[in-house]
Amino acid sequence: MDTIENKAKCLDDLLDLDRYGWENFHEDFVRILVKYGYQKHLTEGENEWYENEVVTGRELISLTDYTEPD
């Protein structure tokens, strides 16, 4: 899955993101990395958010709540 074509598609999707809304951009960025098999590059907070919000749908909180320092 870690091919040049996969990287090109991932980059293309990342470059198409709306960069003006940080929260949406960050969440979409995380979703795209996972979609193309790059979940290993997520931070601990991003990974926790993805598992809770996207995979299980347990919590409906912002990614920022997982990634910003207390």
Protein backbone atom coordinates (compact mmCIF):
# COMPACT_ATOMS: atom_id res chain seq x y z
CA MET A 1 0.00 0.00 0.00
CA ASP A 2 3.00 2.29 0.44
CA THR A 3 3.50 2.87 -3.28
CA ILE A 4 4.24 6.01 -5.25
CA GLU A 5 0.68 5.93 -6.59
CA ASN A 6 -0.76 5.66 -3.09
CA LYS A 7 1.39 8.56 -1.88
CA ALA A 8 0.36 10.64 -4.90
CA LYS A 9 -3.35 10.03 -4.26
CA CYS A 10 -2.92 10.80 -0.57
CA LEU A 11 -1.07 14.04 -1.34
CA ASP A 12 -3.70 14.99 -3.91
CA ASP A 13 -6.47 14.54 -1.32
CA LEU A 14 -4.48 16.47 1.29
CA LEU A 15 -3.91 19.36 -1.09
CA ASP A 16 -7.64 19.51 -1.88
CA LEU A 17 -8.55 20.13 1.77
CA ASP A 18 -10.10 23.43 2.80
CA ARG A 19 -7.32 25.11 4.76
CA TYR A 20 -9.43 27.93 6.19
CA GLY A 21 -11.23 26.00 8.91
CA TRP A 22 -8.52 24.52 11.14
CA GLU A 23 -10.77 22.11 13.01
CA ASN A 24 -12.28 20.64 9.85
CA PHE A 25 -8.90 20.61 8.12
CA HIS A 26 -7.26 18.74 10.99
CA GLU A 27 -10.04 16.15 11.21
CA ASP A 28 -10.04 15.62 7.43
CA PHE A 29 -6.23 15.40 7.49
CA VAL A 30 -6.42 12.57 10.04
CA ARG A 31 -9.14 10.76 8.08
CA ILE A 32 -7.10 10.95 4.86
CA LEU A 33 -3.93 9.62 6.50
CA VAL A 34 -5.89 6.65 7.80
CA LYS A 35 -7.64 6.12 4.46
CA TYR A 36 -4.29 5.71 2.71
CA GLY A 37 -2.73 3.54 5.40
CA TYR A 38 -0.61 6.12 7.21
CA GLN A 39 -2.24 5.84 10.65
CA LYS A 40 1.17 5.08 12.16
CA HIS A 41 2.03 8.76 11.60
CA LEU A 42 -0.80 10.08 13.79
CA THR A 43 -0.09 11.54 17.18
CA GLU A 44 -1.46 9.73 20.22
CA GLY A 45 -4.26 12.29 20.52
CA GLU A 46 -5.16 12.08 16.83
CA ASN A 47 -5.24 8.29 17.01
CA GLU A 48 -7.43 8.35 20.14
CA TRP A 49 -9.82 10.83 18.50
CA TYR A 50 -10.02 8.71 15.35
CA GLU A 51 -10.79 5.55 17.31
CA ASN A 52 -13.44 7.26 19.47
CA GLU A 53 -15.04 9.56 16.92
CA VAL A 54 -14.77 7.77 13.61
CA VAL A 55 -14.44 4.07 14.38
CA THR A 56 -16.78 3.67 17.34
CA GLY A 57 -18.69 6.97 17.28
CA ARG A 58 -18.69 6.95 21.07
CA GLU A 59 -17.84 10.56 21.65
CA LEU A 60 -18.79 13.67 19.78
CA ILE A 61 -16.00 15.99 20.76
CA SER A 62 -13.51 17.99 18.83
CA LEU A 63 -10.12 16.72 17.73
CA THR A 64 -8.68 19.79 19.43
CA ASP A 65 -9.85 18.38 22.76
CA TYR A 66 -7.50 15.44 22.16
CA THR A 67 -4.52 17.32 20.79
CA GLU A 68 -4.17 20.61 22.67
CA PRO A 69 -2.20 20.66 25.91
CA ASP A 70 -4.14 21.09 29.15
